[in-house]
């Protein structure tokens, strides 16, 4: 390389690094091998963040197999230049998308480039892309530990870290080990492992079947001592969303796979929300702040009797919810909400519905562990074992006497706890 060329590359590197430092949060998504749904995870994380109010961009660093444009619905729309800047294509929810697919004559055109040219393209995407105003940038890296992931990692030293996507099989442990070793070598943080294709959940009864085994990602996380971010099941809406260019978390937010993706995004962003909160909490340690916080408690009910009504044995098959506004240990207001999903209860719908009612806690007679996990993914506390009248169950919860998880009681025991 000539001195002038080296100087040009150094300037491009500096420009890219500087541009990335202006974005508060950068997440690299990698995998040890292809075919594990890495781009699906990248795209849905981006849109989950956007649904939460963040301004988001996604850069497709997979130059030979760029699928981000298709999955975000901007396939065939060219990216435009504006002076020295490259304007990403804006997808729904305002997500900025920059992919080599936007520069190709058609979807069948291959990218036949060697390492130096690929590195140059990545430098330009990062350094010249108009990423202004972003809160979060997701970089979808190609599988493996080759040129492109290396270039991305070197140009984003300020990244929050790397999300590793794998499949459930035991062989995933080997791929994860290689990927994690690579991440440590490039001096980046592992945000966690995501296990994709983690079984199939029947949309009718909620029964879960492990089509491709289960637990490889979690075992890898445990053995390699990195966080496990969660499992994503295979669902028909998930497959259709990828092909149609309508991200699952936006097109079918009540789908079990969407719930899992939203929970993963929330787990990643929780630390961001807590950074300013921690400083405020330090300054707010006055006696007046020692009381219990205000919260909304939803109680599954068999009738519309309010506090005098009866607790339902199952949170999903109850006809009503009593919503109690609680300040510390005092109930200050209640209202009754009919359950619109009482006749057509399907797995995964109610956690989002209860979240939409503004509830912080749900009390019920019983609930399966999968449902408990879904409620927790929305930040909703679960207390089961409630009996008798709604008011009595609420008092028991406020005293701290209502705790533990009781299996749900309803007429499809084979699926109990599987939704």
Protein backbone atom coordinates (compact mmCIF):
# COMPACT_ATOMS: atom_id res chain seq x y z
CA UNK A 1 0.00 0.00 0.00
CA UNK A 2 1.38 3.40 -0.98
CA UNK A 3 1.77 6.15 1.61
CA UNK A 4 -1.04 8.19 0.05
CA UNK A 5 -3.37 5.19 0.06
CA UNK A 6 -2.47 4.39 3.67
CA UNK A 7 -3.19 7.98 4.66
CA UNK A 8 -6.57 7.80 2.91
CA UNK A 9 -7.48 4.58 4.74
CA UNK A 10 -6.38 6.05 8.06
CA UNK A 11 -8.58 9.08 7.49
CA UNK A 12 -11.57 6.89 6.60
CA UNK A 13 -11.01 4.80 9.73
CA UNK A 14 -10.84 7.93 11.87
CA UNK A 15 -14.03 9.25 10.29
CA UNK A 16 -15.87 5.98 10.94
CA UNK A 17 -14.71 5.72 14.56
CA UNK A 18 -15.67 9.35 15.17
CA UNK A 19 -19.11 8.90 13.62
CA UNK A 20 -19.80 5.86 15.79
CA UNK A 21 -18.84 7.72 18.95
CA UNK A 22 -21.76 10.09 18.31
CA UNK A 23 -24.29 7.26 18.67
CA UNK A 24 -25.01 6.42 22.32
CA UNK A 25 -25.60 2.69 21.84
CA UNK A 26 -24.11 0.31 19.27
CA UNK A 27 -24.88 -3.42 19.23
CA UNK A 28 -23.09 -5.93 17.00
CA UNK A 29 -25.01 -9.11 16.18
CA UNK A 30 -22.84 -12.13 15.30
CA UNK A 31 -23.04 -15.89 14.95
CA UNK A 32 -20.52 -18.69 14.76
CA UNK A 33 -22.15 -20.08 11.62
CA UNK A 34 -24.87 -19.23 9.11
CA UNK A 35 -28.48 -20.33 9.09
CA UNK A 36 -29.28 -19.57 12.72
CA UNK A 37 -31.57 -16.58 12.09
CA UNK A 38 -29.08 -13.87 12.96
CA UNK A 39 -30.59 -11.29 10.60
CA UNK A 40 -34.08 -12.05 11.91
CA UNK A 41 -32.84 -11.27 15.40
CA UNK A 42 -30.99 -8.13 14.26
CA UNK A 43 -34.00 -6.70 12.44
CA UNK A 44 -36.50 -7.46 15.20
CA UNK A 45 -34.24 -6.07 17.91
CA UNK A 46 -33.99 -2.86 15.88
CA UNK A 47 -37.76 -2.59 15.54
CA UNK A 48 -38.36 -3.56 19.16
CA UNK A 49 -36.14 -0.66 20.22
CA UNK A 50 -37.98 1.62 17.77
CA UNK A 51 -41.36 0.54 19.21
CA UNK A 52 -39.99 1.55 22.64
CA UNK A 53 -39.32 5.07 21.40
CA UNK A 54 -35.63 4.88 20.50
CA UNK A 55 -34.37 6.32 17.21
CA UNK A 56 -32.79 3.33 15.54
CA UNK A 57 -30.59 2.45 12.59
CA UNK A 58 -29.48 -0.92 11.26
CA UNK A 59 -26.40 -1.49 9.10
CA UNK A 60 -26.09 -4.67 7.06
CA UNK A 61 -22.42 -5.68 7.16
CA UNK A 62 -23.16 -8.93 5.32
CA UNK A 63 -22.00 -7.89 1.86
CA UNK A 64 -22.35 -11.27 0.16
CA UNK A 65 -25.74 -12.25 1.57
CA UNK A 66 -27.51 -8.98 2.45
CA UNK A 67 -31.00 -9.78 3.75
CA UNK A 68 -31.70 -6.78 5.96
CA UNK A 69 -33.28 -4.79 3.10
CA UNK A 70 -35.77 -7.58 2.37
CA UNK A 71 -36.65 -8.16 6.01
CA UNK A 72 -37.21 -4.46 6.71
CA UNK A 73 -39.39 -3.95 3.64
CA UNK A 74 -37.06 -1.63 1.70
CA UNK A 75 -35.80 -4.14 -0.90
CA UNK A 76 -35.41 -2.42 -4.26
CA UNK A 77 -35.31 1.12 -2.85
CA UNK A 78 -31.93 2.71 -3.65
CA UNK A 79 -29.87 4.56 -1.06
CA UNK A 80 -29.04 8.09 -2.15
CA UNK A 81 -25.95 10.24 -1.81
CA UNK A 82 -25.96 13.80 -0.51
CA UNK A 83 -22.57 15.33 -1.07
CA UNK A 84 -20.11 13.24 0.92
CA UNK A 85 -22.91 11.53 2.87
CA UNK A 86 -24.79 8.31 2.17
CA UNK A 87 -28.47 8.55 3.02
CA UNK A 88 -29.84 5.31 4.50
CA UNK A 89 -33.28 4.20 3.35
CA UNK A 90 -35.89 4.94 6.01
CA UNK A 91 -38.13 1.97 6.81
CA UNK A 92 -41.27 1.96 8.97
CA UNK A 93 -41.05 3.43 12.48
CA UNK A 94 -38.31 5.69 11.09
CA UNK A 95 -35.65 2.96 11.22
CA UNK A 96 -32.67 3.92 9.06
CA UNK A 97 -31.39 1.00 6.97
CA UNK A 98 -28.11 0.87 5.08
CA UNK A 99 -27.33 -2.25 3.06
CA UNK A 100 -25.27 -3.06 -0.01
CA UNK A 101 -28.56 -4.38 -1.44
CA UNK A 102 -29.64 -0.76 -1.95
CA UNK A 103 -26.72 -0.23 -4.36
CA UNK A 104 -27.11 -3.37 -6.49
CA UNK A 105 -28.92 -3.34 -9.87
CA UNK A 106 -31.21 -6.20 -8.78
CA UNK A 107 -31.65 -8.79 -6.05
CA UNK A 108 -29.81 -11.47 -8.10
CA UNK A 109 -26.59 -9.46 -8.52
CA UNK A 110 -23.70 -10.98 -6.55
CA UNK A 111 -21.03 -9.01 -4.73
CA UNK A 112 -17.71 -10.42 -5.96
CA UNK A 113 -15.23 -8.56 -3.77
CA UNK A 114 -12.08 -9.44 -1.91
CA UNK A 115 -11.13 -8.28 1.59
CA UNK A 116 -9.78 -4.75 0.92
CA UNK A 117 -12.84 -3.69 -1.06
CA UNK A 118 -15.20 -5.11 1.58
CA UNK A 119 -13.33 -3.26 4.32
CA UNK A 120 -13.61 -0.04 2.31
CA UNK A 121 -17.38 -0.47 1.94
CA UNK A 122 -17.80 -0.99 5.69
CA UNK A 123 -15.70 2.09 6.43
CA UNK A 124 -17.91 4.15 4.11
CA UNK A 125 -21.16 2.80 5.53
CA UNK A 126 -20.09 3.62 9.08
CA UNK A 127 -18.25 6.87 8.41
CA UNK A 128 -20.30 8.42 5.60
CA UNK A 129 -23.75 7.07 6.47
CA UNK A 130 -26.16 9.69 7.77
CA UNK A 131 -26.67 8.24 11.24
CA UNK A 132 -27.49 11.61 12.78
CA UNK A 133 -29.98 11.63 15.65
CA UNK A 134 -29.77 7.91 16.41
CA UNK A 135 -30.03 6.44 19.88
CA UNK A 136 -29.19 2.91 18.78
CA UNK A 137 -27.34 1.35 15.85
CA UNK A 138 -27.63 -2.40 15.19
CA UNK A 139 -24.90 -3.90 12.99
CA UNK A 140 -25.83 -7.22 11.41
CA UNK A 141 -22.53 -9.00 10.80
CA UNK A 142 -22.06 -11.97 8.46
CA UNK A 143 -21.56 -15.38 10.11
CA UNK A 144 -18.14 -16.49 11.26
CA UNK A 145 -15.07 -14.59 12.33
CA UNK A 146 -13.74 -13.25 9.02
CA UNK A 147 -12.97 -9.89 7.44
CA UNK A 148 -16.31 -8.15 7.87
CA UNK A 149 -16.85 -8.79 11.61
CA UNK A 150 -13.22 -7.89 12.21
CA UNK A 151 -13.57 -4.59 10.32
CA UNK A 152 -16.80 -3.71 12.12
CA UNK A 153 -15.34 -4.47 15.54
CA UNK A 154 -12.23 -2.39 14.90
CA UNK A 155 -14.25 0.59 13.67
CA UNK A 156 -16.70 0.55 16.59
CA UNK A 157 -14.47 0.27 19.67
CA UNK A 158 -17.15 2.11 21.66
CA UNK A 159 -19.82 -0.56 21.00
CA UNK A 160 -21.98 -1.68 23.93
CA UNK A 161 -21.09 -5.24 23.00
CA UNK A 162 -22.01 -8.26 20.92
CA UNK A 163 -25.17 -10.38 20.83
CA UNK A 164 -24.44 -13.96 19.71
CA UNK A 165 -27.21 -15.89 17.95
CA UNK A 166 -27.17 -19.67 17.94
CA UNK A 167 -29.49 -22.65 17.44
CA UNK A 168 -30.44 -25.11 20.21
CA UNK A 169 -28.32 -28.12 19.22
CA UNK A 170 -25.34 -29.24 21.26
CA UNK A 171 -23.07 -28.39 18.33
CA UNK A 172 -23.91 -24.74 19.02
CA UNK A 173 -21.55 -24.91 22.00
CA UNK A 174 -18.58 -25.30 19.64
CA UNK A 175 -19.68 -22.39 17.45
CA UNK A 176 -20.37 -20.18 20.46
CA UNK A 177 -16.96 -20.95 21.94
CA UNK A 178 -15.24 -19.85 18.72
CA UNK A 179 -17.35 -16.72 18.45
CA UNK A 180 -16.80 -15.74 22.09
CA UNK A 181 -13.05 -16.32 21.78
CA UNK A 182 -13.08 -14.03 18.75
CA UNK A 183 -14.99 -11.35 20.64
CA UNK A 184 -12.53 -11.49 23.53
CA UNK A 185 -9.61 -11.23 21.10
CA UNK A 186 -11.05 -8.07 19.57
CA UNK A 187 -11.59 -6.67 23.08
CA UNK A 188 -15.37 -6.39 22.99
CA UNK A 189 -18.00 -7.31 25.55
CA UNK A 190 -20.39 -10.24 25.12
CA UNK A 191 -23.89 -8.93 25.84
CA UNK A 192 -25.25 -12.45 25.76
CA UNK A 193 -26.35 -15.49 23.79
CA UNK A 194 -29.75 -15.82 22.08
CA UNK A 195 -31.07 -19.31 21.32
CA UNK A 196 -33.15 -19.13 18.13
CA UNK A 197 -35.42 -21.88 16.70
CA UNK A 198 -36.07 -23.01 20.27
CA UNK A 199 -38.99 -25.32 19.66
CA UNK A 200 -42.46 -24.88 18.22
CA UNK A 201 -45.47 -23.71 20.21
CA UNK A 202 -48.88 -24.87 19.01
CA UNK A 203 -51.07 -21.78 18.44
CA UNK A 204 -54.20 -23.70 19.46
CA UNK A 205 -53.29 -25.44 22.72
CA UNK A 206 -49.94 -23.85 23.53
CA UNK A 207 -48.10 -27.19 23.67
CA UNK A 208 -44.35 -26.78 23.14
CA UNK A 209 -42.33 -29.24 21.01
CA UNK A 210 -38.52 -29.11 20.78
CA UNK A 211 -38.07 -29.71 17.06
CA UNK A 212 -34.34 -28.99 17.10
CA UNK A 213 -33.60 -30.10 20.66
CA UNK A 214 -33.34 -27.47 23.36
CA UNK A 215 -30.94 -25.74 25.67
CA UNK A 216 -27.74 -25.63 23.60
CA UNK A 217 -27.54 -21.86 23.82
CA UNK A 218 -28.23 -21.77 27.54
CA UNK A 219 -25.68 -24.49 28.23
CA UNK A 220 -23.14 -22.62 26.14
CA UNK A 221 -23.81 -19.44 28.11
CA UNK A 222 -23.44 -21.27 31.41
CA UNK A 223 -20.24 -23.05 30.41
CA UNK A 224 -18.67 -19.96 28.87
CA UNK A 225 -19.85 -17.71 31.72
CA UNK A 226 -21.69 -15.16 29.61
CA UNK A 227 -25.31 -13.94 29.95
CA UNK A 228 -28.14 -15.95 28.40
CA UNK A 229 -30.62 -13.51 26.87
CA UNK A 230 -33.44 -15.90 26.02
CA UNK A 231 -35.02 -18.41 23.65
CA UNK A 232 -37.01 -17.64 20.51
CA UNK A 233 -39.50 -20.31 19.34
CA UNK A 234 -40.31 -21.13 15.72
CA UNK A 235 -43.71 -19.77 14.70
CA UNK A 236 -45.50 -19.41 11.39
CA UNK A 237 -45.89 -15.62 11.75
CA UNK A 238 -42.14 -15.37 12.35
CA UNK A 239 -41.37 -17.14 9.07
CA UNK A 240 -43.93 -15.10 7.15
CA UNK A 241 -42.73 -11.81 8.63
CA UNK A 242 -39.18 -12.34 7.41
CA UNK A 243 -40.28 -13.05 3.85
CA UNK A 244 -42.81 -10.23 3.70
CA UNK A 245 -40.55 -7.46 4.97
CA UNK A 246 -42.77 -6.78 7.97
CA UNK A 247 -40.74 -7.31 11.17
CA UNK A 248 -42.47 -9.69 13.55
CA UNK A 249 -42.42 -7.41 16.61
CA UNK A 250 -44.37 -4.86 14.58
CA UNK A 251 -46.64 -7.06 12.45
CA UNK A 252 -47.53 -9.69 15.07
CA UNK A 253 -46.55 -8.39 18.53
CA UNK A 254 -48.76 -10.99 20.26
CA UNK A 255 -46.84 -13.90 18.68
CA UNK A 256 -44.74 -15.95 21.17
CA UNK A 257 -41.57 -15.34 19.13
CA UNK A 258 -42.28 -11.61 19.15
CA UNK A 259 -42.72 -11.71 22.93
CA UNK A 260 -39.32 -13.38 23.24
CA UNK A 261 -37.65 -10.82 20.97
CA UNK A 262 -39.24 -7.91 22.81
CA UNK A 263 -38.06 -9.38 26.12
CA UNK A 264 -34.50 -9.70 24.76
CA UNK A 265 -34.53 -6.10 23.59
CA UNK A 266 -35.84 -5.02 26.99
CA UNK A 267 -33.13 -7.00 28.77
CA UNK A 268 -30.46 -5.27 26.69
CA UNK A 269 -31.89 -1.78 27.15
CA UNK A 270 -32.65 -2.11 30.87
CA UNK A 271 -29.13 -1.00 31.69
CA UNK A 272 -29.56 2.10 29.56
CA UNK A 273 -32.69 3.11 31.46
CA UNK A 274 -30.98 2.51 34.79
CA UNK A 275 -27.91 4.66 34.12
CA UNK A 276 -29.60 8.02 34.83
CA UNK A 277 -31.97 6.45 37.34
CA UNK A 278 -29.08 5.31 39.53
CA UNK A 279 -27.74 8.85 39.88
CA UNK A 280 -31.22 10.19 40.66
CA UNK A 281 -31.82 7.48 43.25
CA UNK A 282 -28.64 8.44 45.08
CA UNK A 283 -29.85 12.02 45.40
CA UNK A 284 -33.39 11.03 46.38
CA UNK A 285 -32.70 9.07 49.60
CA UNK A 286 -34.89 11.21 51.86
CA UNK A 287 -37.35 9.87 54.50
CA UNK A 288 -40.30 10.75 52.29
CA UNK A 289 -39.04 8.29 49.66
CA UNK A 290 -39.05 5.29 51.99
CA UNK A 291 -42.73 4.42 51.41
CA UNK A 292 -43.80 1.75 48.97
CA UNK A 293 -44.30 3.10 45.42
CA UNK A 294 -47.63 3.60 43.70
CA UNK A 295 -48.59 0.61 41.56
CA UNK A 296 -51.51 -0.92 39.70
CA UNK A 297 -52.48 -4.47 40.66
CA UNK A 298 -54.63 -6.60 38.34
CA UNK A 299 -56.58 -9.44 39.96
CA UNK A 300 -58.09 -12.21 37.81
CA UNK A 301 -61.77 -12.41 38.83
CA UNK A 302 -64.67 -14.79 38.22
CA UNK A 303 -67.32 -12.06 38.42
CA UNK A 304 -67.79 -8.29 38.30
CA UNK A 305 -68.19 -7.85 42.04
CA UNK A 306 -65.03 -5.77 42.42
CA UNK A 307 -63.30 -6.23 45.77
CA UNK A 308 -66.22 -8.40 46.93
CA UNK A 309 -65.95 -10.65 43.87
CA UNK A 310 -64.11 -13.96 43.69
CA UNK A 311 -60.59 -14.66 42.46
CA UNK A 312 -60.35 -16.80 39.32
CA UNK A 313 -58.34 -20.03 39.42
CA UNK A 314 -56.75 -19.18 36.07
CA UNK A 315 -55.58 -15.79 34.83
CA UNK A 316 -56.48 -16.38 31.16
CA UNK A 317 -59.90 -17.99 31.51
CA UNK A 318 -61.28 -15.34 33.84
CA UNK A 319 -64.13 -13.11 32.57
CA UNK A 320 -62.97 -10.02 34.47
CA UNK A 321 -59.95 -8.24 35.92
CA UNK A 322 -60.17 -5.98 38.96
CA UNK A 323 -57.58 -3.22 38.64
CA UNK A 324 -56.60 -1.69 41.98
CA UNK A 325 -54.56 1.48 42.28
CA UNK A 326 -52.33 1.01 45.31
CA UNK A 327 -50.29 3.62 47.16
CA UNK A 328 -47.96 1.84 49.53
CA UNK A 329 -50.25 -0.60 51.35
CA UNK A 330 -53.43 1.39 50.78
CA UNK A 331 -55.95 0.74 47.98
CA UNK A 332 -56.97 4.17 46.70
CA UNK A 333 -59.14 3.24 43.71
CA UNK A 334 -60.48 0.22 41.81
CA UNK A 335 -62.07 -0.43 38.45
CA UNK A 336 -63.43 -3.52 36.69
CA UNK A 337 -62.25 -4.51 33.22
CA UNK A 338 -63.97 -7.24 31.19
CA UNK A 339 -61.52 -9.70 29.65
CA UNK A 340 -61.98 -9.42 25.85
CA UNK A 341 -59.97 -12.63 25.34
CA UNK A 342 -62.12 -14.73 27.68
CA UNK A 343 -63.84 -16.72 24.90
CA UNK A 344 -60.81 -17.00 22.60
CA UNK A 345 -57.85 -17.23 24.97
CA UNK A 346 -54.66 -17.84 22.98
CA UNK A 347 -51.15 -18.20 24.44
CA UNK A 348 -49.11 -15.01 24.59
CA UNK A 349 -51.89 -12.44 24.18
CA UNK A 350 -52.75 -11.63 27.78
CA UNK A 351 -49.33 -10.49 29.06
CA UNK A 352 -49.33 -7.75 26.45
CA UNK A 353 -52.99 -6.93 27.16
CA UNK A 354 -52.40 -6.65 30.92
CA UNK A 355 -49.33 -4.51 30.22
CA UNK A 356 -51.53 -2.24 28.09
CA UNK A 357 -53.89 -1.77 31.04
CA UNK A 358 -50.98 -0.26 32.96
CA UNK A 359 -50.70 -3.10 35.48
CA UNK A 360 -47.47 -3.57 37.44
CA UNK A 361 -48.63 -6.76 39.21
CA UNK A 362 -51.06 -9.58 38.44
CA UNK A 363 -52.67 -11.80 41.08
CA UNK A 364 -54.27 -15.11 40.13
CA UNK A 365 -55.15 -18.51 41.49
CA UNK A 366 -52.62 -20.23 39.24
CA UNK A 367 -50.34 -19.71 36.26
CA UNK A 368 -47.91 -21.84 34.25
CA UNK A 369 -44.17 -21.05 34.25
CA UNK A 370 -44.07 -20.03 30.58
CA UNK A 371 -46.79 -17.45 31.20
CA UNK A 372 -44.95 -16.20 34.28
CA UNK A 373 -41.84 -15.67 32.16
CA UNK A 374 -43.87 -13.71 29.58
CA UNK A 375 -45.34 -11.44 32.25
CA UNK A 376 -41.86 -10.87 33.67
CA UNK A 377 -40.63 -9.92 30.19
CA UNK A 378 -43.10 -7.01 30.31
CA UNK A 379 -41.91 -6.01 33.77
CA UNK A 380 -45.07 -7.33 35.43
CA UNK A 381 -44.76 -9.02 38.83
CA UNK A 382 -46.71 -12.26 39.28
CA UNK A 383 -48.24 -13.57 42.52
CA UNK A 384 -50.33 -16.75 42.46
CA UNK A 385 -52.09 -18.87 45.04
CA UNK A 386 -54.80 -16.22 45.50
CA UNK A 387 -58.05 -17.61 46.92
CA UNK A 388 -61.46 -16.37 48.00
CA UNK A 389 -62.53 -12.79 47.55
CA UNK A 390 -60.60 -10.29 45.46
CA UNK A 391 -60.27 -7.83 48.36
CA UNK A 392 -58.85 -10.52 50.66
CA UNK A 393 -56.32 -11.66 48.04
CA UNK A 394 -55.26 -8.06 47.48
CA UNK A 395 -54.82 -7.49 51.22
CA UNK A 396 -52.74 -10.69 51.47
CA UNK A 397 -50.50 -9.47 48.64
CA UNK A 398 -50.03 -6.04 50.24
CA UNK A 399 -49.09 -7.70 53.56
CA UNK A 400 -46.52 -9.85 51.74
CA UNK A 401 -48.37 -13.09 52.54
CA UNK A 402 -49.22 -13.98 48.94
CA UNK A 403 -46.29 -15.49 47.11
CA UNK A 404 -45.18 -18.54 45.17
CA UNK A 405 -46.21 -19.99 41.83
CA UNK A 406 -49.22 -22.33 41.63
CA UNK A 407 -49.86 -24.30 38.40
CA UNK A 408 -52.86 -23.11 36.43
CA UNK A 409 -56.16 -24.96 36.73
CA UNK A 410 -58.20 -25.22 33.55
CA UNK A 411 -59.47 -27.65 30.95
CA UNK A 412 -56.36 -28.26 28.82
CA UNK A 413 -53.84 -29.78 31.28
CA UNK A 414 -51.53 -31.05 28.52
CA UNK A 415 -50.64 -27.47 27.66
CA UNK A 416 -50.73 -26.13 31.23
CA UNK A 417 -47.62 -24.09 31.84
CA UNK A 418 -46.61 -24.20 28.18
CA UNK A 419 -47.86 -20.76 27.23
